[in-house]
Amino acid sequence: MENVLQHCLHLVRFFGLSSEDFFQKVRPYKKLLKNQLYEELLESYLNPNSEPNDNILLPRYRNIDGIVNSKIVNLNIASLISRWMDKIDIKSKYIYTRELYLPYEFKLLLRGSKDGFTPKKFHKLCDNITHTESHNNGKWGETKDSFIFSFKNKNNFKDQILSHVENMSNALFYHTKYGPLFGGGDINIFVFENDDSKDFDQCYCRQRNYEKKIRDTVDKFSIEYYEVFQIIKKSIEIDIPYDHDSLRTFGEAEKEILFRTLSAEYKVSK
C-alpha cells in the first residue's frame, strides 16, 4: 500500500485540510508517509506562520459565482481583503491556504480593458455609488478605515504589503481629472493635461499619508490593467428544515443548538 501511495501523495493538497481533518484522516496513516513530509505537515498545523513547502500543493483556486468577477483578483485575495476590512486578526499570514472568508460581493463597476483608462469614464461609472467614496471637486475625503496594499504575486502572499492611513484627513482626494487617488501621493493616478477624456499618464506611488510604501520605487508607471469594485455585504438566507409547530416545542437551549448546527451546515455548503 505504501508503494502505491507514493505515486499519489504529490497530488494530495494537504494544505486544503482543516486541522480536524488532518488529525482524523491523515495522522492515523502517518506510517505510510515519508517522515520529512509528515513533519512538514505537522509543523504547518502547529505553527501558523510556517511557510508552505514548495513540494506541498496549495488548494486550487475556486470560482464562486456572485462573489468576484475579475481578471486581477482571485478568491484568496478577496478573502484576505475582506478580513482586512472587518479588522479580523490574522494570526497566520498563510491563513488563505486553508479558509476562505467571503462575506462580501465584489461587484465590478469598471474594467479598464473594456471601459478605458480615462478620468471621465472612471467618474461616470464609479461616482455616487453606495459603499464608494465621492467628494466635491478638489476636496479631501476623510476616513480612518482606508488602506492600500500590493501583491507582487497574486498566487503567493508572502510578499504582500498592507498600509493603513495615518493622516485620515488626507486619506482620499477627489478631482475630475484624477482617477483613484489615496493620500496625495501614496497612490496617484491622473492626467497631466486638464482633459478628462485622455488616458491616465501620471501614475506613481510615493509614501506620504499612509504608514508604508507599497512600491519599491517612486518612479512613474503605466497601467496595464485596472478594475474598480463596489463591495456589498452579502445577505444570508437559511431554509430551516423544520415546521413551526416542531420549533415551538424546542426549549431555548435546543433552538440554540439547532441554529448553530444550521449555521455550520451553511458554512460547509458554501
C-alpha atoms as a PDB file:
ATOM      1  CA  MET A   1       0.000   0.000   0.000  1.00  0.00           C
ATOM      2  CA  GLU A   2       2.846   2.357   0.806  1.00  0.00           C
ATOM      3  CA  ASN A   3       4.368   1.879  -2.643  1.00  0.00           C
ATOM      4  CA  VAL A   4       1.035   2.602  -4.298  1.00  0.00           C
ATOM      5  CA  LEU A   5       0.514   5.772  -2.262  1.00  0.00           C
ATOM      6  CA  GLN A   6       3.918   7.168  -3.154  1.00  0.00           C
ATOM      7  CA  HIS A   7       2.666   7.746  -6.696  1.00  0.00           C
ATOM      8  CA  CYS A   8      -0.384   9.642  -5.433  1.00  0.00           C
ATOM      9  CA  LEU A   9       0.841  11.689  -2.478  1.00  0.00           C
ATOM     10  CA  HIS A  10       2.226  14.517  -4.580  1.00  0.00           C
ATOM     11  CA  LEU A  11      -1.308  15.071  -5.907  1.00  0.00           C
ATOM     12  CA  VAL A  12      -2.895  15.434  -2.466  1.00  0.00           C
ATOM     13  CA  ARG A  13      -3.496  19.050  -1.439  1.00  0.00           C
ATOM     14  CA  PHE A  14      -2.805  18.636   2.257  1.00  0.00           C
ATOM     15  CA  PHE A  15      -2.982  22.370   2.852  1.00  0.00           C
ATOM     16  CA  GLY A  16      -6.651  22.286   1.961  1.00  0.00           C
ATOM     17  CA  LEU A  17      -7.401  20.157   5.020  1.00  0.00           C
ATOM     18  CA  SER A  18      -8.549  21.578   8.309  1.00  0.00           C
ATOM     19  CA  SER A  19      -6.639  20.646  11.454  1.00  0.00           C
ATOM     20  CA  GLU A  20      -9.532  18.338  12.384  1.00  0.00           C
ATOM     21  CA  ASP A  21      -9.356  16.538   9.030  1.00  0.00           C
ATOM     22  CA  PHE A  22      -5.602  16.221   9.347  1.00  0.00           C
ATOM     23  CA  PHE A  23      -5.884  14.689  12.822  1.00  0.00           C
ATOM     24  CA  GLN A  24      -8.666  12.258  11.890  1.00  0.00           C
ATOM     25  CA  LYS A  25      -7.815  11.350   8.290  1.00  0.00           C
ATOM     26  CA  VAL A  26      -4.061  11.789   7.856  1.00  0.00           C
ATOM     27  CA  ARG A  27      -2.463  11.183  11.246  1.00  0.00           C
ATOM     28  CA  PRO A  28      -3.677   7.524  11.509  1.00  0.00           C
ATOM     29  CA  TYR A  29      -1.731   6.781   8.304  1.00  0.00           C
ATOM     30  CA  LYS A  30       1.446   8.632   9.169  1.00  0.00           C
ATOM     31  CA  LYS A  31       3.492   5.438   8.830  1.00  0.00           C
ATOM     32  CA  LEU A  32       2.633   5.437   5.146  1.00  0.00           C
ATOM     33  CA  LEU A  33       4.074   8.929   4.702  1.00  0.00           C
ATOM     34  CA  LYS A  34       7.702   9.836   4.468  1.00  0.00           C
ATOM     35  CA  ASN A  35       8.899  11.158   7.796  1.00  0.00           C
ATOM     36  CA  GLN A  36      10.009  14.501   6.331  1.00  0.00           C
ATOM     37  CA  LEU A  37       6.640  15.063   4.660  1.00  0.00           C
ATOM     38  CA  TYR A  38       4.745  14.242   7.837  1.00  0.00           C
ATOM     39  CA  GLU A  39       6.940  16.549   9.932  1.00  0.00           C
ATOM     40  CA  GLU A  40       6.436  19.393   7.447  1.00  0.00           C
ATOM     41  CA  LEU A  41       2.683  18.881   7.538  1.00  0.00           C
ATOM     42  CA  LEU A  42       2.652  18.681  11.317  1.00  0.00           C
ATOM     43  CA  GLU A  43       4.639  21.905  11.565  1.00  0.00           C
ATOM     44  CA  SER A  44       2.212  23.675   9.255  1.00  0.00           C
ATOM     45  CA  TYR A  45      -0.663  22.868  11.632  1.00  0.00           C
ATOM     46  CA  LEU A  46       1.189  23.595  14.866  1.00  0.00           C
ATOM     47  CA  ASN A  47       2.955  26.739  13.680  1.00  0.00           C
ATOM     48  CA  PRO A  48       0.508  29.084  11.885  1.00  0.00           C
ATOM     49  CA  ASN A  49       3.371  31.159  10.450  1.00  0.00           C
ATOM     50  CA  SER A  50       5.315  28.278   8.956  1.00  0.00           C
ATOM     51  CA  GLU A  51       5.847  28.812   5.252  1.00  0.00           C
ATOM     52  CA  PRO A  52       4.271  26.206   2.962  1.00  0.00           C
ATOM     53  CA  ASN A  53       6.821  23.882   1.416  1.00  0.00           C
ATOM     54  CA  ASP A  54       7.159  24.205  -2.340  1.00  0.00           C
ATOM     55  CA  ASN A  55       6.504  20.462  -2.619  1.00  0.00           C
ATOM     56  CA  ILE A  56       3.123  20.716  -0.900  1.00  0.00           C
ATOM     57  CA  LEU A  57       0.286  21.671  -3.218  1.00  0.00           C
ATOM     58  CA  LEU A  58      -1.895  24.549  -2.053  1.00  0.00           C
ATOM     59  CA  PRO A  59      -5.681  24.459  -2.520  1.00  0.00           C
ATOM     60  CA  ARG A  60      -6.993  25.021  -6.016  1.00  0.00           C
ATOM     61  CA  TYR A  61      -8.410  28.446  -6.701  1.00  0.00           C
ATOM     62  CA  ARG A  62     -12.164  28.105  -6.873  1.00  0.00           C
ATOM     63  CA  ASN A  63     -14.549  30.167  -8.936  1.00  0.00           C
ATOM     64  CA  ILE A  64     -17.701  31.040  -6.999  1.00  0.00           C
ATOM     65  CA  ASP A  65     -20.419  32.925  -8.849  1.00  0.00           C
ATOM     66  CA  GLY A  66     -21.720  36.067  -7.189  1.00  0.00           C
ATOM     67  CA  ILE A  67     -18.556  36.942  -5.260  1.00  0.00           C
ATOM     68  CA  VAL A  68     -16.000  38.384  -7.635  1.00  0.00           C
ATOM     69  CA  ASN A  69     -15.848  38.842 -11.412  1.00  0.00           C
ATOM     70  CA  SER A  70     -12.256  39.812 -12.031  1.00  0.00           C
ATOM     71  CA  LYS A  71      -9.248  39.297 -14.272  1.00  0.00           C
ATOM     72  CA  ILE A  72      -6.975  40.510 -11.460  1.00  0.00           C
ATOM     73  CA  VAL A  73      -8.463  39.465  -8.124  1.00  0.00           C
ATOM     74  CA  ASN A  74      -8.875  35.813  -7.178  1.00  0.00           C
ATOM     75  CA  LEU A  75     -10.902  34.434  -4.272  1.00  0.00           C
ATOM     76  CA  ASN A  76      -7.904  34.243  -1.968  1.00  0.00           C
ATOM     77  CA  ILE A  77      -7.238  37.954  -2.454  1.00  0.00           C
ATOM     78  CA  ALA A  78     -10.944  38.750  -1.991  1.00  0.00           C
ATOM     79  CA  SER A  79     -10.914  36.716   1.223  1.00  0.00           C
ATOM     80  CA  LEU A  80      -7.843  38.487   2.586  1.00  0.00           C
ATOM     81  CA  ILE A  81      -9.184  41.955   1.708  1.00  0.00           C
ATOM     82  CA  SER A  82     -12.456  41.061   3.450  1.00  0.00           C
ATOM     83  CA  ARG A  83     -10.520  40.158   6.605  1.00  0.00           C
ATOM     84  CA  TRP A  84      -8.684  43.484   6.454  1.00  0.00           C
ATOM     85  CA  MET A  85     -11.969  45.356   6.020  1.00  0.00           C
ATOM     86  CA  ASP A  86     -13.562  43.621   9.004  1.00  0.00           C
ATOM     87  CA  LYS A  87     -10.371  44.058  11.059  1.00  0.00           C
ATOM     88  CA  ILE A  88     -10.095  40.346  11.703  1.00  0.00           C
ATOM     89  CA  ASP A  89      -6.847  39.483  13.433  1.00  0.00           C
ATOM     90  CA  ILE A  90      -4.864  37.329  11.043  1.00  0.00           C
ATOM     91  CA  LYS A  91      -2.527  35.284  13.229  1.00  0.00           C
ATOM     92  CA  SER A  92      -1.162  33.343  10.306  1.00  0.00           C
ATOM     93  CA  LYS A  93      -0.011  35.020   7.118  1.00  0.00           C
ATOM     94  CA  TYR A  94      -0.860  31.755   5.343  1.00  0.00           C
ATOM     95  CA  ILE A  95      -4.465  31.608   6.568  1.00  0.00           C
ATOM     96  CA  TYR A  96      -5.596  31.995   2.963  1.00  0.00           C
ATOM     97  CA  THR A  97      -4.346  28.481   2.206  1.00  0.00           C
ATOM     98  CA  ARG A  98      -6.982  26.856   4.402  1.00  0.00           C
ATOM     99  CA  GLU A  99     -10.025  29.021   4.968  1.00  0.00           C
ATOM    100  CA  LEU A 100     -11.822  31.493   2.709  1.00  0.00           C
ATOM    101  CA  TYR A 101     -13.610  34.428   4.333  1.00  0.00           C
ATOM    102  CA  LEU A 102     -16.132  35.794   1.848  1.00  0.00           C
ATOM    103  CA  PRO A 103     -18.899  37.864   3.493  1.00  0.00           C
ATOM    104  CA  TYR A 104     -18.911  40.402   0.637  1.00  0.00           C
ATOM    105  CA  GLU A 105     -19.799  40.515  -3.027  1.00  0.00           C
ATOM    106  CA  PHE A 106     -17.221  42.331  -5.162  1.00  0.00           C
ATOM    107  CA  LYS A 107     -19.420  43.984  -7.790  1.00  0.00           C
ATOM    108  CA  LEU A 108     -17.461  45.071 -10.851  1.00  0.00           C
ATOM    109  CA  LEU A 109     -18.058  48.724 -11.800  1.00  0.00           C
ATOM    110  CA  LEU A 110     -15.236  49.340 -14.250  1.00  0.00           C
ATOM    111  CA  ARG A 111     -12.775  47.246 -16.223  1.00  0.00           C
ATOM    112  CA  GLY A 112     -10.016  49.122 -17.998  1.00  0.00           C
ATOM    113  CA  SER A 113      -9.769  46.747 -20.951  1.00  0.00           C
ATOM    114  CA  LYS A 114     -13.466  47.307 -21.693  1.00  0.00           C
ATOM    115  CA  ASP A 115     -14.195  50.804 -20.363  1.00  0.00           C
ATOM    116  CA  GLY A 116     -10.890  52.559 -20.989  1.00  0.00           C
ATOM    117  CA  PHE A 117      -8.400  54.429 -18.811  1.00  0.00           C
ATOM    118  CA  THR A 118      -9.768  57.972 -18.679  1.00  0.00           C
ATOM    119  CA  PRO A 119     -10.829  60.067 -15.662  1.00  0.00           C
ATOM    120  CA  LYS A 120     -14.120  60.807 -17.414  1.00  0.00           C
ATOM    121  CA  LYS A 121     -15.098  57.150 -17.620  1.00  0.00           C
ATOM    122  CA  PHE A 122     -13.845  56.490 -14.088  1.00  0.00           C
ATOM    123  CA  HIS A 123     -16.115  59.177 -12.619  1.00  0.00           C
ATOM    124  CA  LYS A 124     -19.061  58.276 -14.853  1.00  0.00           C
ATOM    125  CA  LEU A 125     -19.082  54.658 -13.691  1.00  0.00           C
ATOM    126  CA  CYS A 126     -17.862  54.988 -10.111  1.00  0.00           C
ATOM    127  CA  ASP A 127     -19.142  58.292  -8.660  1.00  0.00           C
ATOM    128  CA  ASN A 128     -22.142  58.423  -6.316  1.00  0.00           C
ATOM    129  CA  ILE A 129     -22.205  54.672  -5.813  1.00  0.00           C
ATOM    130  CA  THR A 130     -23.151  53.291  -2.400  1.00  0.00           C
ATOM    131  CA  HIS A 131     -20.123  51.994  -0.481  1.00  0.00           C
ATOM    132  CA  THR A 132     -17.693  54.071  -2.561  1.00  0.00           C
ATOM    133  CA  GLU A 133     -16.166  57.453  -1.767  1.00  0.00           C
ATOM    134  CA  SER A 134     -17.390  60.630  -3.523  1.00  0.00           C
ATOM    135  CA  HIS A 135     -16.489  64.220  -2.677  1.00  0.00           C
ATOM    136  CA  ASN A 136     -16.658  67.716  -4.124  1.00  0.00           C
ATOM    137  CA  ASN A 137     -14.130  68.535  -6.828  1.00  0.00           C
ATOM    138  CA  GLY A 138     -10.682  69.307  -5.427  1.00  0.00           C
ATOM    139  CA  LYS A 139     -11.608  68.170  -1.910  1.00  0.00           C
ATOM    140  CA  TRP A 140     -10.088  65.681   0.504  1.00  0.00           C
ATOM    141  CA  GLY A 141     -12.061  62.729   1.808  1.00  0.00           C
ATOM    142  CA  GLU A 142     -11.568  61.847   5.455  1.00  0.00           C
ATOM    143  CA  THR A 143     -11.697  58.304   6.825  1.00  0.00           C
ATOM    144  CA  LYS A 144      -9.810  56.250   9.393  1.00  0.00           C
ATOM    145  CA  ASP A 145     -10.640  52.937   7.715  1.00  0.00           C
ATOM    146  CA  SER A 146      -8.832  53.397   4.405  1.00  0.00           C
ATOM    147  CA  PHE A 147      -5.930  51.145   3.472  1.00  0.00           C
ATOM    148  CA  ILE A 148      -3.862  50.396   0.382  1.00  0.00           C
ATOM    149  CA  PHE A 149      -1.983  47.228  -0.458  1.00  0.00           C
ATOM    150  CA  SER A 150       0.108  45.411  -3.025  1.00  0.00           C
ATOM    151  CA  PHE A 151       0.833  41.832  -4.047  1.00  0.00           C
ATOM    152  CA  LYS A 152       3.923  41.043  -6.081  1.00  0.00           C
ATOM    153  CA  ASN A 153       2.358  37.720  -6.973  1.00  0.00           C
ATOM    154  CA  LYS A 154      -1.382  37.173  -6.664  1.00  0.00           C
ATOM    155  CA  ASN A 155      -0.808  33.442  -6.168  1.00  0.00           C
ATOM    156  CA  ASN A 156       1.703  33.889  -3.345  1.00  0.00           C
ATOM    157  CA  PHE A 157       1.007  36.235  -0.446  1.00  0.00           C
ATOM    158  CA  LYS A 158       4.298  36.105   1.428  1.00  0.00           C
ATOM    159  CA  ASP A 159       5.370  39.447  -0.115  1.00  0.00           C
ATOM    160  CA  GLN A 160       2.049  41.229   0.486  1.00  0.00           C
ATOM    161  CA  ILE A 161       2.129  44.815   1.780  1.00  0.00           C
ATOM    162  CA  LEU A 162      -0.772  46.289   3.762  1.00  0.00           C
ATOM    163  CA  SER A 163      -0.623  50.010   4.542  1.00  0.00           C
ATOM    164  CA  HIS A 164      -3.241  51.797   6.695  1.00  0.00           C
ATOM    165  CA  VAL A 165      -3.923  55.511   6.519  1.00  0.00           C
ATOM    166  CA  GLU A 166      -2.044  57.577   9.123  1.00  0.00           C
ATOM    167  CA  ASN A 167      -3.315  61.070   8.295  1.00  0.00           C
ATOM    168  CA  MET A 168      -7.020  60.335   7.943  1.00  0.00           C
ATOM    169  CA  SER A 169      -7.875  63.881   6.848  1.00  0.00           C
ATOM    170  CA  ASN A 170      -5.837  63.224   3.681  1.00  0.00           C
ATOM    171  CA  ALA A 171      -6.986  59.672   3.087  1.00  0.00           C
ATOM    172  CA  LEU A 172      -8.598  60.275  -0.326  1.00  0.00           C
ATOM    173  CA  PHE A 173      -8.690  63.027  -2.927  1.00  0.00           C
ATOM    174  CA  TYR A 174     -11.375  63.790  -5.489  1.00  0.00           C
ATOM    175  CA  HIS A 175     -10.857  65.684  -8.751  1.00  0.00           C
ATOM    176  CA  THR A 176     -12.392  65.381 -12.203  1.00  0.00           C
ATOM    177  CA  LYS A 177      -9.033  64.771 -13.911  1.00  0.00           C
ATOM    178  CA  TYR A 178      -7.965  62.188 -11.341  1.00  0.00           C
ATOM    179  CA  GLY A 179      -8.672  58.516 -11.095  1.00  0.00           C
ATOM    180  CA  PRO A 180      -8.180  56.680  -7.788  1.00  0.00           C
ATOM    181  CA  LEU A 181      -6.016  58.839  -5.507  1.00  0.00           C
ATOM    182  CA  PHE A 182      -5.019  57.863  -1.979  1.00  0.00           C
ATOM    183  CA  GLY A 183      -3.045  60.078   0.375  1.00  0.00           C
ATOM    184  CA  GLY A 184      -1.976  62.742  -2.099  1.00  0.00           C
ATOM    185  CA  GLY A 185       0.838  60.603  -3.452  1.00  0.00           C
ATOM    186  CA  ASP A 186       0.625  57.166  -1.871  1.00  0.00           C
ATOM    187  CA  ILE A 187      -1.345  56.137  -4.956  1.00  0.00           C
ATOM    188  CA  ASN A 188      -1.656  58.795  -7.654  1.00  0.00           C
ATOM    189  CA  ILE A 189      -3.434  58.136 -10.950  1.00  0.00           C
ATOM    190  CA  PHE A 190      -4.337  61.157 -13.086  1.00  0.00           C
ATOM    191  CA  VAL A 191      -3.745  63.015 -16.370  1.00  0.00           C
ATOM    192  CA  PHE A 192      -1.253  65.872 -16.624  1.00  0.00           C
ATOM    193  CA  GLU A 193      -3.306  67.991 -19.016  1.00  0.00           C
ATOM    194  CA  ASN A 194      -6.674  69.401 -18.000  1.00  0.00           C
ATOM    195  CA  ASP A 195      -8.541  66.950 -20.219  1.00  0.00           C
ATOM    196  CA  ASP A 196     -10.556  64.197 -18.564  1.00  0.00           C
ATOM    197  CA  SER A 197     -11.016  62.329 -21.851  1.00  0.00           C
ATOM    198  CA  LYS A 198      -7.315  61.432 -22.123  1.00  0.00           C
ATOM    199  CA  ASP A 199      -5.802  58.247 -20.729  1.00  0.00           C
ATOM    200  CA  PHE A 200      -4.065  58.369 -17.357  1.00  0.00           C
ATOM    201  CA  ASP A 201      -0.433  59.378 -17.903  1.00  0.00           C
ATOM    202  CA  GLN A 202       0.706  60.288 -14.371  1.00  0.00           C
ATOM    203  CA  CYS A 203       0.839  57.194 -12.175  1.00  0.00           C
ATOM    204  CA  TYR A 204       3.149  56.745  -9.193  1.00  0.00           C
ATOM    205  CA  CYS A 205       3.280  55.732  -5.517  1.00  0.00           C
ATOM    206  CA  ARG A 206       5.160  57.980  -3.070  1.00  0.00           C
ATOM    207  CA  GLN A 207       4.573  57.430   0.625  1.00  0.00           C
ATOM    208  CA  ARG A 208       3.010  60.434   2.359  1.00  0.00           C
ATOM    209  CA  ASN A 209      -0.143  59.822   4.376  1.00  0.00           C
ATOM    210  CA  TYR A 210      -0.158  56.032   4.687  1.00  0.00           C
ATOM    211  CA  GLU A 211       2.048  54.029   7.036  1.00  0.00           C
ATOM    212  CA  LYS A 212       4.042  52.048   4.450  1.00  0.00           C
ATOM    213  CA  LYS A 213       5.167  52.416   0.864  1.00  0.00           C
ATOM    214  CA  ILE A 214       3.661  49.784  -1.403  1.00  0.00           C
ATOM    215  CA  ARG A 215       6.217  50.032  -4.236  1.00  0.00           C
ATOM    216  CA  ASP A 216       9.997  49.784  -4.096  1.00  0.00           C
ATOM    217  CA  THR A 217      10.376  52.758  -6.425  1.00  0.00           C
ATOM    218  CA  VAL A 218       8.761  56.191  -6.701  1.00  0.00           C
ATOM    219  CA  ASP A 219       9.166  56.202 -10.489  1.00  0.00           C
ATOM    220  CA  LYS A 220       6.141  56.608 -12.722  1.00  0.00           C
ATOM    221  CA  PHE A 221       4.482  53.528 -14.141  1.00  0.00           C
ATOM    222  CA  SER A 222       1.918  52.731 -16.831  1.00  0.00           C
ATOM    223  CA  ILE A 223      -1.333  50.959 -16.050  1.00  0.00           C
ATOM    224  CA  GLU A 224      -1.696  47.700 -17.917  1.00  0.00           C
ATOM    225  CA  TYR A 225      -4.971  46.708 -16.301  1.00  0.00           C
ATOM    226  CA  TYR A 226      -7.272  48.044 -13.628  1.00  0.00           C
ATOM    227  CA  GLU A 227     -10.664  47.317 -12.134  1.00  0.00           C
ATOM    228  CA  VAL A 228     -12.967  49.106  -9.680  1.00  0.00           C
ATOM    229  CA  PHE A 229     -15.399  47.255  -7.421  1.00  0.00           C
ATOM    230  CA  GLN A 230     -18.329  48.132  -5.216  1.00  0.00           C
ATOM    231  CA  ILE A 231     -18.135  45.923  -2.128  1.00  0.00           C
ATOM    232  CA  ILE A 232     -21.518  44.787  -0.831  1.00  0.00           C
ATOM    233  CA  LYS A 233     -22.267  42.832   2.332  1.00  0.00           C
ATOM    234  CA  LYS A 234     -23.952  39.572   1.379  1.00  0.00           C
ATOM    235  CA  SER A 235     -27.258  38.618   2.996  1.00  0.00           C
ATOM    236  CA  ILE A 236     -27.516  35.127   4.427  1.00  0.00           C
ATOM    237  CA  GLU A 237     -30.686  33.140   3.964  1.00  0.00           C
ATOM    238  CA  ILE A 238     -31.089  29.706   5.526  1.00  0.00           C
ATOM    239  CA  ASP A 239     -34.081  27.461   4.884  1.00  0.00           C
ATOM    240  CA  ILE A 240     -34.839  25.782   8.218  1.00  0.00           C
ATOM    241  CA  PRO A 241     -35.925  22.163   7.545  1.00  0.00           C
ATOM    242  CA  TYR A 242     -38.380  22.135  10.457  1.00  0.00           C
ATOM    243  CA  ASP A 243     -42.002  23.242  10.642  1.00  0.00           C
ATOM    244  CA  HIS A 244     -43.067  25.952  13.072  1.00  0.00           C
ATOM    245  CA  ASP A 245     -45.051  23.537  15.280  1.00  0.00           C
ATOM    246  CA  SER A 246     -41.966  21.427  15.875  1.00  0.00           C
ATOM    247  CA  LEU A 247     -39.901  24.517  16.550  1.00  0.00           C
ATOM    248  CA  ARG A 248     -42.339  25.683  19.233  1.00  0.00           C
ATOM    249  CA  THR A 249     -41.677  22.510  21.248  1.00  0.00           C
ATOM    250  CA  PHE A 250     -37.951  23.259  21.407  1.00  0.00           C
ATOM    251  CA  GLY A 251     -36.525  24.881  24.501  1.00  0.00           C
ATOM    252  CA  GLU A 252     -34.126  27.812  24.188  1.00  0.00           C
ATOM    253  CA  ALA A 253     -31.097  25.521  24.500  1.00  0.00           C
ATOM    254  CA  GLU A 254     -32.379  23.233  21.725  1.00  0.00           C
ATOM    255  CA  LYS A 255     -33.081  26.224  19.478  1.00  0.00           C
ATOM    256  CA  GLU A 256     -29.549  27.491  20.032  1.00  0.00           C
ATOM    257  CA  ILE A 257     -28.107  24.086  19.132  1.00  0.00           C
ATOM    258  CA  LEU A 258     -30.328  23.965  16.031  1.00  0.00           C
ATOM    259  CA  PHE A 259     -29.213  27.426  14.943  1.00  0.00           C
ATOM    260  CA  ARG A 260     -25.534  26.574  15.446  1.00  0.00           C
ATOM    261  CA  THR A 261     -25.955  23.336  13.503  1.00  0.00           C
ATOM    262  CA  LEU A 262     -27.696  25.033  10.589  1.00  0.00           C
ATOM    263  CA  SER A 263     -25.069  27.780  10.568  1.00  0.00           C
ATOM    264  CA  ALA A 264     -22.309  25.186  10.433  1.00  0.00           C
ATOM    265  CA  GLU A 265     -24.078  23.333   7.623  1.00  0.00           C
ATOM    266  CA  TYR A 266     -24.459  26.586   5.683  1.00  0.00           C
ATOM    267  CA  LYS A 267     -20.747  27.384   6.007  1.00  0.00           C
ATOM    268  CA  VAL A 268     -19.805  23.905   4.815  1.00  0.00           C
ATOM    269  CA  SER A 269     -22.224  24.019   1.881  1.00  0.00           C
ATOM    270  CA  LYS A 270     -20.846  27.397   0.728  1.00  0.00           C
END
